[in-house]
Protein backbone atom coordinates (compact mmCIF):
# COMPACT_ATOMS: atom_id res chain seq x y z
CA MET A 1 142.01 74.04 88.71
CA GLY A 2 144.16 73.32 91.76
CA GLU A 3 143.13 76.55 93.49
CA SER A 4 140.51 76.40 96.24
CA VAL A 5 137.27 78.33 95.99
CA GLU A 6 138.08 80.22 99.19
CA HIS A 7 141.49 81.33 97.93
CA PHE A 8 140.09 82.56 94.60
CA PHE A 9 137.14 84.26 96.33
CA ASN A 10 139.37 86.07 98.83
CA ARG A 11 141.77 87.21 96.13
CA GLU A 12 139.42 88.17 93.28
CA VAL A 13 136.05 89.04 94.80
CA LYS A 14 136.39 90.12 98.42
CA PRO A 15 138.60 93.19 97.75
CA HIS A 16 135.84 94.72 95.61
CA MET A 17 132.87 94.04 97.89
CA VAL A 18 133.69 94.11 101.59
CA ASN A 19 130.33 92.73 102.81
CA ILE A 20 130.27 89.74 100.47
CA TRP A 21 130.44 86.14 101.59
CA ALA A 22 130.34 82.69 100.02
CA ASN A 23 128.26 79.82 101.35
CA THR A 24 130.48 76.81 100.73
CA ALA A 25 127.97 74.42 102.34
CA ILE A 26 125.77 74.49 99.21
CA ALA A 27 126.70 72.52 96.11
CA ASP A 28 125.68 73.53 92.60
CA HIS A 29 123.18 71.02 91.19
CA LYS A 30 124.79 71.10 87.74
CA ASP A 31 128.38 70.21 88.57
CA GLY A 32 128.28 69.23 92.26
CA GLN A 33 131.04 71.70 93.06
CA VAL A 34 131.07 74.12 95.98
CA GLY A 35 128.63 77.00 95.91
CA LYS A 36 125.92 78.20 93.62
CA ILE A 37 126.58 80.83 91.01
CA ASP A 38 124.26 83.64 91.91
CA CYS A 39 124.35 87.34 92.54
CA GLU A 40 122.17 90.18 93.72
CA ILE A 41 122.29 93.66 92.28
CA ASN A 42 120.80 96.23 94.60
CA PHE A 43 119.47 98.66 92.00
CA ASN A 44 118.46 101.22 94.61
CA ARG A 45 121.99 101.35 95.96
CA TYR A 46 123.69 101.82 92.61
CA PHE A 47 121.16 103.54 90.36
CA TYR A 48 118.65 105.43 92.55
CA LYS A 49 118.52 109.16 92.04
CA TYR A 50 116.44 111.18 94.45
CA ALA A 51 113.66 113.24 92.94
CA PRO A 52 111.84 115.59 95.31
CA PRO A 53 108.07 115.15 95.46
CA ARG A 54 105.86 117.50 93.49
CA LEU A 55 104.23 120.41 95.28
CA LEU A 56 100.91 119.59 96.94
CA GLU A 57 99.16 122.27 94.90
CA VAL A 58 100.29 120.67 91.64
CA ILE A 59 99.09 117.24 92.79
CA GLU A 60 95.72 118.70 93.80
CA GLU A 61 95.37 120.34 90.36
CA ASP A 62 96.13 117.03 88.64
CA ILE A 63 93.54 115.23 90.78
CA GLY A 64 90.96 117.91 90.00
CA ALA A 65 91.67 117.66 86.27
CA LEU A 66 91.37 113.85 86.37
CA GLY A 67 88.08 114.16 88.25
CA GLN A 68 86.74 116.54 85.64
CA GLU A 69 87.90 114.25 82.84
CA THR A 70 86.18 111.32 84.54
CA ILE A 71 82.90 113.26 84.77
CA GLU A 72 83.10 114.23 81.08
CA ILE A 73 83.70 110.63 80.04
CA PHE A 74 80.83 109.48 82.25
CA TYR A 75 78.44 111.95 80.57
CA LYS A 76 79.59 110.83 77.12
CA VAL A 77 78.95 107.20 77.98
CA THR A 78 75.58 107.74 79.66
CA GLY A 79 74.45 110.23 77.10
């Protein structure tokens, strides 16, 4: 436990994430020690896979089909 937070952070964390930083001005409410334990995972950065948009014609067909389905349901309900 004699190692400082900064030394551990620079050795173990910083080499893996170059834009990371630690706010040592904030103390954890549970133990009063330096820093909060927290992290952010940017899902878009690590897991996003581009999917090209559908063709406009296909979208228009789907909208037309949904409109027709809506009309049919309306007629069923209103009798």
